[in-house]
C-alpha atoms as a PDB file:
ATOM      1  CA  MET A   1      -2.702 -10.516  10.175  1.00  0.00           C
ATOM      2  CA  GLN A   2       0.994 -11.037  10.843  1.00  0.00           C
ATOM      3  CA  GLY A   3       3.938  -9.661   8.933  1.00  0.00           C
ATOM      4  CA  ASN A   4       6.389  -6.812   8.752  1.00  0.00           C
ATOM      5  CA  VAL A   5       5.843  -3.220   7.698  1.00  0.00           C
ATOM      6  CA  ILE A   6       8.150  -2.704   4.729  1.00  0.00           C
ATOM      7  CA  ASN A   7       7.170   0.864   3.884  1.00  0.00           C
ATOM      8  CA  SER A   8       5.075   3.620   5.407  1.00  0.00           C
ATOM      9  CA  ALA A   9       4.241   7.006   3.913  1.00  0.00           C
ATOM     10  CA  GLN A  10       1.828   9.846   4.477  1.00  0.00           C
ATOM     11  CA  ILE A  11       0.248  10.945   1.189  1.00  0.00           C
ATOM     12  CA  ASN A  12      -1.863  14.037   0.557  1.00  0.00           C
ATOM     13  CA  ALA A  13      -4.845  12.890  -1.477  1.00  0.00           C
ATOM     14  CA  THR A  14      -7.921  14.661  -2.762  1.00  0.00           C
ATOM     15  CA  GLN A  15     -11.509  13.476  -2.645  1.00  0.00           C
ATOM     16  CA  GLY A  16     -12.223  11.019  -5.453  1.00  0.00           C
ATOM     17  CA  LYS A  17      -9.797   8.799  -7.329  1.00  0.00           C
ATOM     18  CA  ASN A  18      -6.075   9.177  -6.684  1.00  0.00           C
ATOM     19  CA  ASN A  19      -3.150   7.378  -8.322  1.00  0.00           C
ATOM     20  CA  ILE A  20      -0.240   6.543  -6.039  1.00  0.00           C
ATOM     21  CA  GLU A  21       2.885   5.002  -7.565  1.00  0.00           C
ATOM     22  CA  LEU A  22       4.983   2.596  -5.507  1.00  0.00           C
ATOM     23  CA  ASN A  23       8.475   1.479  -6.466  1.00  0.00           C
ATOM     24  CA  VAL A  24       8.564  -2.310  -5.947  1.00  0.00           C
ATOM     25  CA  GLN A  25      11.955  -2.959  -7.571  1.00  0.00           C
ATOM     26  CA  GLU A  26      13.567  -3.733  -4.204  1.00  0.00           C
ATOM     27  CA  LEU A  27      10.778  -6.085  -3.066  1.00  0.00           C
ATOM     28  CA  ALA A  28      11.105  -9.830  -3.476  1.00  0.00           C
ATOM     29  CA  ASN A  29       8.598 -11.595  -5.699  1.00  0.00           C
ATOM     30  CA  GLY A  30       5.474 -12.554  -3.807  1.00  0.00           C
ATOM     31  CA  MET A  31       2.106 -11.492  -2.452  1.00  0.00           C
ATOM     32  CA  TYR A  32       1.864  -8.311  -0.393  1.00  0.00           C
ATOM     33  CA  HIS A  33      -0.988  -6.603   1.426  1.00  0.00           C
ATOM     34  CA  LEU A  34      -1.302  -2.882   0.763  1.00  0.00           C
ATOM     35  CA  MET A  35      -3.073  -1.219   3.683  1.00  0.00           C
ATOM     36  CA  LEU A  36      -4.530   2.266   3.256  1.00  0.00           C
ATOM     37  CA  PHE A  37      -5.845   4.404   6.122  1.00  0.00           C
ATOM     38  CA  ASP A  38      -7.596   7.754   6.010  1.00  0.00           C
ATOM     39  CA  ASN A  39      -7.595  10.498   8.629  1.00  0.00           C
ATOM     40  CA  LYS A  40     -11.003   9.308   9.915  1.00  0.00           C
ATOM     41  CA  GLY A  41      -9.671   5.865  10.866  1.00  0.00           C
ATOM     42  CA  ASN A  42     -11.161   4.033   7.885  1.00  0.00           C
ATOM     43  CA  SER A  43      -8.967   1.391   6.262  1.00  0.00           C
ATOM     44  CA  HIS A  44      -8.792  -0.573   3.021  1.00  0.00           C
ATOM     45  CA  VAL A  45      -6.600  -3.580   2.158  1.00  0.00           C
ATOM     46  CA  GLU A  46      -5.577  -4.719  -1.333  1.00  0.00           C
ATOM     47  CA  GLN A  47      -3.512  -7.769  -2.249  1.00  0.00           C
ATOM     48  CA  VAL A  48      -0.666  -6.940  -4.623  1.00  0.00           C
ATOM     49  CA  MET A  49       1.400  -9.523  -6.516  1.00  0.00           C
ATOM     50  CA  VAL A  50       5.005  -8.533  -7.225  1.00  0.00           C
ATOM     51  CA  SER A  51       6.674 -10.447 -10.042  1.00  0.00           C
ATOM     52  CA  HIS A  52       9.896  -9.250 -11.699  1.00  0.00           C
END
């Protein structure tokens, strides 16, 4: 996968479901890949559509 990192943050989460809010106002309209990593090296990718 190619592209640029536009934001990176370390979030303290608890086991189970967590809600994380991202401000996308400064992002251009389009498709983005949201990549999540845990401290065990597991990862998850979600596609996010930004449309203002």
